[in-house]
């Protein structure tokens, strides 16, 4: 059940304590992909993973919350249209959204993330929720859960472009893919002695792209969605059965 489409009476009838909260970003993804890429992909994975879990033999219902569209993305601020909030604001927003879900009984929440800049803050806020609130939350970043493809993530590159071509093909500016490829960098950052010298993406990519978006077709996108959804379904099963009480003092 997606809360954006449900009535309050539909929501009231949902007999479950499981929810997924998609978390994305509004930031540049090169000249060919939309600013909302991370929210679009996170929501697609959240819906597919919830459906995969619900179709299982022991699957219960899963509430799908609306996506959080702005995240920790100052590293893209030189590119017009990018929006960002501080890690503190972001953590507070996620925590309070989870608290509102828990208020209605949906107190086991998987945070389905589509943006690399959110990863650290999500892990931190999930720990705070588990230790201090009447809820349990765990982060899940979809592009870390696609097996061998995870190494090809990039930014606005083959994986994100492929998933967009599968779930929202109308959003990809196909006539700009060649330009995206030509202005892309091969990797994220400027690395010396295992340290990244760059803090902003504009320092190492001309148009915001990392990787070759031309290598990500819709067939790959379908495979990526299947892989991420299966991984999310497995995680939901584990969260549903987990003892989420805090360990006693030792």
C-alpha atoms as a PDB file:
ATOM      1  CA  UNK A   1       0.000   0.000   0.000  1.00  0.00           C
ATOM      2  CA  UNK A   2       1.423   3.364  -1.044  1.00  0.00           C
ATOM      3  CA  UNK A   3       0.388   6.115   1.353  1.00  0.00           C
ATOM      4  CA  UNK A   4       0.214   8.709  -1.412  1.00  0.00           C
ATOM      5  CA  UNK A   5      -2.543   6.736  -3.133  1.00  0.00           C
ATOM      6  CA  UNK A   6      -4.359   5.445  -0.047  1.00  0.00           C
ATOM      7  CA  UNK A   7      -7.130   7.072   1.959  1.00  0.00           C
ATOM      8  CA  UNK A   8      -6.766   7.318   5.712  1.00  0.00           C
ATOM      9  CA  UNK A   9      -9.272   4.492   6.082  1.00  0.00           C
ATOM     10  CA  UNK A  10      -7.175   2.329   3.750  1.00  0.00           C
ATOM     11  CA  UNK A  11      -4.142   3.108   5.889  1.00  0.00           C
ATOM     12  CA  UNK A  12      -6.068   2.370   9.079  1.00  0.00           C
ATOM     13  CA  UNK A  13      -6.904  -1.087   7.752  1.00  0.00           C
ATOM     14  CA  UNK A  14      -3.288  -2.002   6.992  1.00  0.00           C
ATOM     15  CA  UNK A  15      -2.482  -4.849   9.382  1.00  0.00           C
ATOM     16  CA  UNK A  16       1.293  -4.593   9.453  1.00  0.00           C
ATOM     17  CA  UNK A  17       4.177  -3.072  11.368  1.00  0.00           C
ATOM     18  CA  UNK A  18       6.441  -2.906   8.290  1.00  0.00           C
ATOM     19  CA  UNK A  19       7.122   0.196   6.215  1.00  0.00           C
ATOM     20  CA  UNK A  20       9.602   1.351   3.611  1.00  0.00           C
ATOM     21  CA  UNK A  21      10.636   4.992   3.375  1.00  0.00           C
ATOM     22  CA  UNK A  22      12.286   5.926   0.059  1.00  0.00           C
ATOM     23  CA  UNK A  23      14.991   8.560   0.434  1.00  0.00           C
ATOM     24  CA  UNK A  24      16.489  10.351  -2.528  1.00  0.00           C
ATOM     25  CA  UNK A  25      17.917  13.686  -3.553  1.00  0.00           C
ATOM     26  CA  UNK A  26      17.280  16.540  -5.947  1.00  0.00           C
ATOM     27  CA  UNK A  27      20.625  17.024  -7.658  1.00  0.00           C
ATOM     28  CA  UNK A  28      22.319  17.107 -11.006  1.00  0.00           C
ATOM     29  CA  UNK A  29      22.701  13.848 -12.929  1.00  0.00           C
ATOM     30  CA  UNK A  30      24.336  15.231 -16.040  1.00  0.00           C
ATOM     31  CA  UNK A  31      22.631  16.729 -19.084  1.00  0.00           C
ATOM     32  CA  UNK A  32      20.595  13.616 -19.837  1.00  0.00           C
ATOM     33  CA  UNK A  33      19.000  12.516 -16.546  1.00  0.00           C
ATOM     34  CA  UNK A  34      16.572  14.396 -14.281  1.00  0.00           C
ATOM     35  CA  UNK A  35      17.411  16.151 -11.038  1.00  0.00           C
ATOM     36  CA  UNK A  36      14.982  13.778  -9.316  1.00  0.00           C
ATOM     37  CA  UNK A  37      16.815  10.613 -10.383  1.00  0.00           C
ATOM     38  CA  UNK A  38      17.672   9.464  -6.863  1.00  0.00           C
ATOM     39  CA  UNK A  39      14.111   9.844  -5.599  1.00  0.00           C
ATOM     40  CA  UNK A  40      12.645   8.182  -8.698  1.00  0.00           C
ATOM     41  CA  UNK A  41      14.927   5.165  -8.438  1.00  0.00           C
ATOM     42  CA  UNK A  42      14.586   4.829  -4.657  1.00  0.00           C
ATOM     43  CA  UNK A  43      10.806   4.846  -4.904  1.00  0.00           C
ATOM     44  CA  UNK A  44      10.822   2.311  -7.746  1.00  0.00           C
ATOM     45  CA  UNK A  45      13.001  -0.068  -5.726  1.00  0.00           C
ATOM     46  CA  UNK A  46      10.895   0.481  -2.596  1.00  0.00           C
ATOM     47  CA  UNK A  47       7.687  -0.416  -4.433  1.00  0.00           C
ATOM     48  CA  UNK A  48       9.217  -3.420  -6.188  1.00  0.00           C
ATOM     49  CA  UNK A  49      10.844  -4.738  -3.012  1.00  0.00           C
ATOM     50  CA  UNK A  50       7.633  -4.362  -1.019  1.00  0.00           C
ATOM     51  CA  UNK A  51       5.697  -6.198  -3.727  1.00  0.00           C
ATOM     52  CA  UNK A  52       8.287  -8.975  -3.851  1.00  0.00           C
ATOM     53  CA  UNK A  53       8.094  -9.409  -0.087  1.00  0.00           C
ATOM     54  CA  UNK A  54       4.291  -9.355  -0.024  1.00  0.00           C
ATOM     55  CA  UNK A  55       4.149 -12.065  -2.682  1.00  0.00           C
ATOM     56  CA  UNK A  56       6.230 -14.458  -0.562  1.00  0.00           C
ATOM     57  CA  UNK A  57       4.756 -17.318   1.391  1.00  0.00           C
ATOM     58  CA  UNK A  58       5.105 -15.540   4.737  1.00  0.00           C
ATOM     59  CA  UNK A  59       4.977 -11.977   3.509  1.00  0.00           C
ATOM     60  CA  UNK A  60       2.788  -9.501   5.337  1.00  0.00           C
ATOM     61  CA  UNK A  61       1.667  -6.157   3.981  1.00  0.00           C
ATOM     62  CA  UNK A  62       4.192  -3.342   3.638  1.00  0.00           C
ATOM     63  CA  UNK A  63       3.382   0.358   3.811  1.00  0.00           C
ATOM     64  CA  UNK A  64       5.275   2.427   1.226  1.00  0.00           C
ATOM     65  CA  UNK A  65       5.761   6.029   2.358  1.00  0.00           C
ATOM     66  CA  UNK A  66       6.269   8.945  -0.047  1.00  0.00           C
ATOM     67  CA  UNK A  67       9.876   9.614  -0.991  1.00  0.00           C
ATOM     68  CA  UNK A  68      11.970  12.229   0.800  1.00  0.00           C
ATOM     69  CA  UNK A  69      13.174  14.275  -2.198  1.00  0.00           C
ATOM     70  CA  UNK A  70      15.998  16.415  -0.763  1.00  0.00           C
ATOM     71  CA  UNK A  71      19.077  15.011   0.923  1.00  0.00           C
ATOM     72  CA  UNK A  72      22.732  15.645   1.734  1.00  0.00           C
ATOM     73  CA  UNK A  73      23.982  16.835  -1.648  1.00  0.00           C
ATOM     74  CA  UNK A  74      26.139  19.942  -1.257  1.00  0.00           C
ATOM     75  CA  UNK A  75      28.822  18.179  -3.269  1.00  0.00           C
ATOM     76  CA  UNK A  76      26.787  18.962  -6.407  1.00  0.00           C
ATOM     77  CA  UNK A  77      25.947  22.593  -5.581  1.00  0.00           C
ATOM     78  CA  UNK A  78      27.840  24.081  -8.555  1.00  0.00           C
ATOM     79  CA  UNK A  79      25.251  22.522 -10.890  1.00  0.00           C
ATOM     80  CA  UNK A  80      22.024  24.508 -11.201  1.00  0.00           C
ATOM     81  CA  UNK A  81      18.928  22.964  -9.671  1.00  0.00           C
ATOM     82  CA  UNK A  82      20.706  20.922  -7.029  1.00  0.00           C
ATOM     83  CA  UNK A  83      19.071  21.230  -3.607  1.00  0.00           C
ATOM     84  CA  UNK A  84      20.565  20.181  -0.302  1.00  0.00           C
ATOM     85  CA  UNK A  85      20.115  20.325   3.444  1.00  0.00           C
ATOM     86  CA  UNK A  86      22.602  19.891   6.265  1.00  0.00           C
ATOM     87  CA  UNK A  87      23.186  16.391   7.663  1.00  0.00           C
ATOM     88  CA  UNK A  88      21.557  17.536  10.932  1.00  0.00           C
ATOM     89  CA  UNK A  89      18.394  18.717   9.165  1.00  0.00           C
ATOM     90  CA  UNK A  90      18.288  15.579   7.074  1.00  0.00           C
ATOM     91  CA  UNK A  91      18.670  13.275  10.069  1.00  0.00           C
ATOM     92  CA  UNK A  92      15.972  15.150  11.976  1.00  0.00           C
ATOM     93  CA  UNK A  93      13.570  14.948   9.031  1.00  0.00           C
ATOM     94  CA  UNK A  94      14.110  11.220   8.570  1.00  0.00           C
ATOM     95  CA  UNK A  95      13.818  10.566  12.302  1.00  0.00           C
ATOM     96  CA  UNK A  96      10.576  12.515  12.657  1.00  0.00           C
ATOM     97  CA  UNK A  97       9.084  10.877   9.566  1.00  0.00           C
ATOM     98  CA  UNK A  98       9.877   7.452  11.016  1.00  0.00           C
ATOM     99  CA  UNK A  99       8.320   8.581  14.306  1.00  0.00           C
ATOM    100  CA  UNK A 100       5.107   9.480  12.506  1.00  0.00           C
ATOM    101  CA  UNK A 101       5.048   6.084  10.801  1.00  0.00           C
ATOM    102  CA  UNK A 102       5.597   4.410  14.173  1.00  0.00           C
ATOM    103  CA  UNK A 103       2.748   6.454  15.666  1.00  0.00           C
ATOM    104  CA  UNK A 104       0.399   4.508  13.388  1.00  0.00           C
ATOM    105  CA  UNK A 105       1.973   1.163  14.281  1.00  0.00           C
ATOM    106  CA  UNK A 106       4.423   0.914  11.385  1.00  0.00           C
ATOM    107  CA  UNK A 107       7.450   0.843  13.630  1.00  0.00           C
ATOM    108  CA  UNK A 108       9.812  -1.399  11.620  1.00  0.00           C
ATOM    109  CA  UNK A 109      11.088   0.751   8.787  1.00  0.00           C
ATOM    110  CA  UNK A 110      13.581   0.169   5.983  1.00  0.00           C
ATOM    111  CA  UNK A 111      15.058   3.399   4.639  1.00  0.00           C
ATOM    112  CA  UNK A 112      15.417   2.735   0.898  1.00  0.00           C
ATOM    113  CA  UNK A 113      18.139   5.087  -0.279  1.00  0.00           C
ATOM    114  CA  UNK A 114      19.083   6.216  -3.781  1.00  0.00           C
ATOM    115  CA  UNK A 115      21.840   8.768  -3.063  1.00  0.00           C
ATOM    116  CA  UNK A 116      25.414   8.139  -1.977  1.00  0.00           C
ATOM    117  CA  UNK A 117      25.626  11.392  -0.025  1.00  0.00           C
ATOM    118  CA  UNK A 118      22.869  10.169   2.315  1.00  0.00           C
ATOM    119  CA  UNK A 119      24.593   6.947   3.353  1.00  0.00           C
ATOM    120  CA  UNK A 120      26.511   8.127   6.418  1.00  0.00           C
ATOM    121  CA  UNK A 121      23.658  10.236   7.791  1.00  0.00           C
ATOM    122  CA  UNK A 122      21.149   7.411   7.315  1.00  0.00           C
ATOM    123  CA  UNK A 123      23.301   4.940   9.212  1.00  0.00           C
ATOM    124  CA  UNK A 124      23.686   7.447  12.019  1.00  0.00           C
ATOM    125  CA  UNK A 125      19.991   8.313  12.299  1.00  0.00           C
ATOM    126  CA  UNK A 126      18.936   4.657  12.097  1.00  0.00           C
ATOM    127  CA  UNK A 127      21.179   3.945  15.079  1.00  0.00           C
ATOM    128  CA  UNK A 128      19.625   6.835  16.993  1.00  0.00           C
ATOM    129  CA  UNK A 129      16.119   5.606  16.198  1.00  0.00           C
ATOM    130  CA  UNK A 130      16.917   2.056  17.295  1.00  0.00           C
ATOM    131  CA  UNK A 131      18.513   3.191  20.562  1.00  0.00           C
ATOM    132  CA  UNK A 132      16.281   6.062  21.597  1.00  0.00           C
ATOM    133  CA  UNK A 133      12.876   5.872  19.881  1.00  0.00           C
ATOM    134  CA  UNK A 134       9.899   3.520  19.850  1.00  0.00           C
ATOM    135  CA  UNK A 135      10.845   2.240  16.406  1.00  0.00           C
ATOM    136  CA  UNK A 136      13.482   0.301  14.520  1.00  0.00           C
ATOM    137  CA  UNK A 137      15.001   1.512  11.249  1.00  0.00           C
ATOM    138  CA  UNK A 138      17.717   0.184   8.996  1.00  0.00           C
ATOM    139  CA  UNK A 139      19.147   1.796   5.835  1.00  0.00           C
ATOM    140  CA  UNK A 140      19.265   0.039   2.463  1.00  0.00           C
ATOM    141  CA  UNK A 141      21.035   1.633  -0.516  1.00  0.00           C
ATOM    142  CA  UNK A 142      19.809  -0.005  -3.703  1.00  0.00           C
ATOM    143  CA  UNK A 143      23.000   0.321  -5.769  1.00  0.00           C
ATOM    144  CA  UNK A 144      24.970  -1.472  -3.063  1.00  0.00           C
ATOM    145  CA  UNK A 145      22.633  -4.462  -3.417  1.00  0.00           C
ATOM    146  CA  UNK A 146      22.977  -5.354  -7.108  1.00  0.00           C
ATOM    147  CA  UNK A 147      25.857  -7.810  -6.921  1.00  0.00           C
ATOM    148  CA  UNK A 148      28.762  -7.338  -9.294  1.00  0.00           C
ATOM    149  CA  UNK A 149      27.065  -4.326 -10.883  1.00  0.00           C
ATOM    150  CA  UNK A 150      27.613  -2.269  -7.730  1.00  0.00           C
ATOM    151  CA  UNK A 151      31.190  -1.549  -8.806  1.00  0.00           C
ATOM    152  CA  UNK A 152      29.877   0.255 -11.895  1.00  0.00           C
ATOM    153  CA  UNK A 153      27.719   2.806 -10.056  1.00  0.00           C
ATOM    154  CA  UNK A 154      29.325   6.106 -11.058  1.00  0.00           C
ATOM    155  CA  UNK A 155      26.946   9.084 -11.120  1.00  0.00           C
ATOM    156  CA  UNK A 156      24.388   9.558 -13.863  1.00  0.00           C
ATOM    157  CA  UNK A 157      26.306   6.656 -15.369  1.00  0.00           C
ATOM    158  CA  UNK A 158      25.303   3.209 -16.607  1.00  0.00           C
ATOM    159  CA  UNK A 159      23.387   1.949 -13.545  1.00  0.00           C
ATOM    160  CA  UNK A 160      21.219   4.973 -12.844  1.00  0.00           C
ATOM    161  CA  UNK A 161      20.581   5.559 -16.534  1.00  0.00           C
ATOM    162  CA  UNK A 162      19.663   1.907 -17.039  1.00  0.00           C
ATOM    163  CA  UNK A 163      17.208   1.905 -14.146  1.00  0.00           C
ATOM    164  CA  UNK A 164      15.624   5.134 -15.378  1.00  0.00           C
ATOM    165  CA  UNK A 165      15.288   3.682 -18.866  1.00  0.00           C
ATOM    166  CA  UNK A 166      13.375   0.782 -17.330  1.00  0.00           C
ATOM    167  CA  UNK A 167      11.147   2.518 -14.759  1.00  0.00           C
ATOM    168  CA  UNK A 168      10.828   6.062 -16.186  1.00  0.00           C
ATOM    169  CA  UNK A 169      12.117   6.103 -19.776  1.00  0.00           C
ATOM    170  CA  UNK A 170      10.386   9.374 -20.549  1.00  0.00           C
ATOM    171  CA  UNK A 171      12.716  11.177 -18.144  1.00  0.00           C
ATOM    172  CA  UNK A 172      15.927  10.329 -20.011  1.00  0.00           C
ATOM    173  CA  UNK A 173      16.982  12.884 -22.623  1.00  0.00           C
ATOM    174  CA  UNK A 174      18.258  10.369 -25.148  1.00  0.00           C
ATOM    175  CA  UNK A 175      19.488  13.070 -27.505  1.00  0.00           C
ATOM    176  CA  UNK A 176      21.932  14.241 -24.809  1.00  0.00           C
ATOM    177  CA  UNK A 177      23.459  10.901 -23.876  1.00  0.00           C
ATOM    178  CA  UNK A 178      26.414  11.378 -26.214  1.00  0.00           C
ATOM    179  CA  UNK A 179      27.145  14.772 -24.658  1.00  0.00           C
ATOM    180  CA  UNK A 180      26.878  13.196 -21.220  1.00  0.00           C
ATOM    181  CA  UNK A 181      29.422  10.564 -22.219  1.00  0.00           C
ATOM    182  CA  UNK A 182      31.863  13.089 -23.657  1.00  0.00           C
ATOM    183  CA  UNK A 183      31.905  15.265 -20.534  1.00  0.00           C
ATOM    184  CA  UNK A 184      32.021  12.434 -18.015  1.00  0.00           C
ATOM    185  CA  UNK A 185      34.863  11.367 -15.778  1.00  0.00           C
ATOM    186  CA  UNK A 186      35.986   7.777 -15.341  1.00  0.00           C
ATOM    187  CA  UNK A 187      35.806   7.724 -11.537  1.00  0.00           C
ATOM    188  CA  UNK A 188      34.619   9.580  -8.472  1.00  0.00           C
ATOM    189  CA  UNK A 189      37.116  11.991  -6.970  1.00  0.00           C
ATOM    190  CA  UNK A 190      40.840  12.686  -7.121  1.00  0.00           C
ATOM    191  CA  UNK A 191      42.662  10.042  -5.117  1.00  0.00           C
ATOM    192  CA  UNK A 192      46.183  10.245  -3.669  1.00  0.00           C
ATOM    193  CA  UNK A 193      47.481   7.885  -0.978  1.00  0.00           C
ATOM    194  CA  UNK A 194      43.954   6.515  -0.420  1.00  0.00           C
ATOM    195  CA  UNK A 195      42.632  10.023   0.247  1.00  0.00           C
ATOM    196  CA  UNK A 196      40.125  11.853  -1.932  1.00  0.00           C
ATOM    197  CA  UNK A 197      41.381  15.401  -2.516  1.00  0.00           C
ATOM    198  CA  UNK A 198      38.076  16.528  -4.051  1.00  0.00           C
ATOM    199  CA  UNK A 199      34.986  17.495  -2.082  1.00  0.00           C
ATOM    200  CA  UNK A 200      32.724  18.606  -4.940  1.00  0.00           C
ATOM    201  CA  UNK A 201      31.877  16.738  -8.116  1.00  0.00           C
ATOM    202  CA  UNK A 202      32.622  19.826 -10.239  1.00  0.00           C
ATOM    203  CA  UNK A 203      36.289  19.353  -9.374  1.00  0.00           C
ATOM    204  CA  UNK A 204      36.579  16.194 -11.453  1.00  0.00           C
ATOM    205  CA  UNK A 205      33.694  16.026 -13.933  1.00  0.00           C
ATOM    206  CA  UNK A 206      32.793  18.686 -16.503  1.00  0.00           C
ATOM    207  CA  UNK A 207      29.074  17.897 -16.720  1.00  0.00           C
ATOM    208  CA  UNK A 208      28.407  16.005 -13.491  1.00  0.00           C
ATOM    209  CA  UNK A 209      28.533  12.510 -14.978  1.00  0.00           C
ATOM    210  CA  UNK A 210      30.782   9.692 -13.768  1.00  0.00           C
ATOM    211  CA  UNK A 211      30.788   6.628 -16.015  1.00  0.00           C
ATOM    212  CA  UNK A 212      29.290   5.956 -19.424  1.00  0.00           C
ATOM    213  CA  UNK A 213      25.477   6.307 -19.460  1.00  0.00           C
ATOM    214  CA  UNK A 214      25.379   4.798 -22.932  1.00  0.00           C
ATOM    215  CA  UNK A 215      26.226   1.415 -21.431  1.00  0.00           C
ATOM    216  CA  UNK A 216      23.035   1.285 -19.363  1.00  0.00           C
ATOM    217  CA  UNK A 217      20.084   0.033 -21.399  1.00  0.00           C
ATOM    218  CA  UNK A 218      16.558  -0.808 -20.254  1.00  0.00           C
ATOM    219  CA  UNK A 219      17.303  -4.535 -20.115  1.00  0.00           C
ATOM    220  CA  UNK A 220      20.068  -3.873 -17.597  1.00  0.00           C
ATOM    221  CA  UNK A 221      17.676  -1.630 -15.708  1.00  0.00           C
ATOM    222  CA  UNK A 222      15.152  -4.444 -15.427  1.00  0.00           C
ATOM    223  CA  UNK A 223      17.844  -6.758 -14.082  1.00  0.00           C
ATOM    224  CA  UNK A 224      18.983  -4.135 -11.586  1.00  0.00           C
ATOM    225  CA  UNK A 225      15.439  -3.638 -10.332  1.00  0.00           C
ATOM    226  CA  UNK A 226      14.969  -7.382  -9.915  1.00  0.00           C
ATOM    227  CA  UNK A 227      18.228  -7.708  -7.984  1.00  0.00           C
ATOM    228  CA  UNK A 228      17.540  -4.736  -5.718  1.00  0.00           C
ATOM    229  CA  UNK A 229      13.932  -5.788  -5.115  1.00  0.00           C
ATOM    230  CA  UNK A 230      14.952  -9.321  -4.174  1.00  0.00           C
ATOM    231  CA  UNK A 231      17.572  -8.002  -1.764  1.00  0.00           C
ATOM    232  CA  UNK A 232      15.065  -5.602  -0.215  1.00  0.00           C
ATOM    233  CA  UNK A 233      12.484  -8.380   0.159  1.00  0.00           C
ATOM    234  CA  UNK A 234      15.052 -10.489   2.009  1.00  0.00           C
ATOM    235  CA  UNK A 235      15.855  -7.535   4.261  1.00  0.00           C
ATOM    236  CA  UNK A 236      12.176  -6.940   5.003  1.00  0.00           C
ATOM    237  CA  UNK A 237      11.834 -10.576   6.012  1.00  0.00           C
ATOM    238  CA  UNK A 238      14.764 -10.227   8.396  1.00  0.00           C
ATOM    239  CA  UNK A 239      13.437  -6.979   9.860  1.00  0.00           C
ATOM    240  CA  UNK A 240       9.993  -8.530  10.332  1.00  0.00           C
ATOM    241  CA  UNK A 241      11.425 -11.367  12.428  1.00  0.00           C
ATOM    242  CA  UNK A 242      14.214  -9.545  14.245  1.00  0.00           C
ATOM    243  CA  UNK A 243      14.228  -9.041  17.999  1.00  0.00           C
ATOM    244  CA  UNK A 244      14.600  -5.257  18.020  1.00  0.00           C
ATOM    245  CA  UNK A 245      14.829  -4.831  21.777  1.00  0.00           C
ATOM    246  CA  UNK A 246      18.127  -3.358  22.964  1.00  0.00           C
ATOM    247  CA  UNK A 247      20.622  -5.719  24.652  1.00  0.00           C
ATOM    248  CA  UNK A 248      20.698  -5.555  28.432  1.00  0.00           C
ATOM    249  CA  UNK A 249      23.686  -4.028  30.266  1.00  0.00           C
ATOM    250  CA  UNK A 250      26.665  -6.387  30.518  1.00  0.00           C
END
